[in-house]
Amino acid sequence: MSAAWQTLVAEAQHDAVRAGLRAVFDGAQVDRAEPVTGGASGATTLRVQVDQRVCLLRVEGARNPYRNPHQYTCMRIAADAGVAPPLHYVDEQAGVAIMAFIATQPLAAYPGGPVELVRALGGLTAKLQASPQFPVFVDYRTVIRRLTERLQARFAPGLLDRHREALERICETLPWDAATHVASHNDPNPRNILFDGQRLWLVDWETAYRNEAFVDVAILADNFAQTPDLEQALLEAWLGRNVDAEDRQRLKVVRALTRLYYAGLLAAIVAPATPIMSDLDAPSREEFRRGIANGSLQLAAPETRALLVKMALAGFLELAVSVKST
């Protein structure tokens, strides 16, 4: 439903948004403003229209001490590289950005099915990583260590000891050279990937910074390439060459890290609404899908999100326990 954009944006941001809209639309008044849902960043996103021109207005949410100060730099670089939607206006201080609006189709509608989708995702990732470097922000391993500490506080004492030990073993054995790091989105989950009927786009750059090259690929593999054939297609499209055993091993180890990372993020989301967890019992992916499909699990429920935390922890340990050296 269309509404005046002023009713959809916090009043404190009105002047900054007004300045951006004037710049993009040459002073013309916005005809339509409609909320765009689906993101998890906390930003306000609106489809705004003047005559036949449509744009996406994004207004950053409340800022916290962990905010990435480089997100708009990364967004600009990605837009210039043709990975993110074209960017028309940015006010970094106010947290206001206006970009091309992408009318989306389901990812499941991608021509050629899952194989062609993962190939396109691999190519998009390669394109991003070939772009000018993103700024350095934090060490990904440090972020995961901090998230794991918080995770341990959400579980009964001792339950995550194996996870912490496995994480430290990975950090000790996994070669990690910051000089080889590349531009990374760091959260290419399905909600941050748009399909416009012809090509894919990456959106939401709040967690973007320079990182290990396999991180984005590991996240894509967990979401889109859960069979050996799809994993092979993803890696080949990304690398532009044949895949070897070293590639597969490194993907496996980094994939373990990204699973622990998401377990920590999910736990932070459910923490205020759930008691301390006293077990690690988790359904399989298929059992979880069936529960969502038949209504026995409600995705927004804290209890269901707690299950997702446990699933991510189980997935981490499944890969991590087999890591001896890399």
Foldseek 3Di string as FASTA:
>chain_A
DWDQVCVQDPPVCVVVVQVVCCQQVVHDGWPTWDFDDLDDQQWTWIWTDDDHATKIKTFHHDDDPPWDLQLVVLQCQCLVLVQAFNWDDDDSVRRITIGHDFDFDALCPPPPGLLVSLLQVLQSLLSQQPTPAFAADDALLVLLLVLVVVLCVLADPPQCPLVNVLSVLLVVFPDADLVPWGWDQQDPASSQWGDRPDHIHGDDRRPIHTYHSLRRVLNCCVHRPVDPVSNQSNVCSNVVDGDDPVNVLVSLSSNLSSLSSVLSVLCVVLVVPDHRHYHLDADDPVVLVVCCVVVVDDCPDSVNSNNSSSNSSVSSCVSSVPDNHD
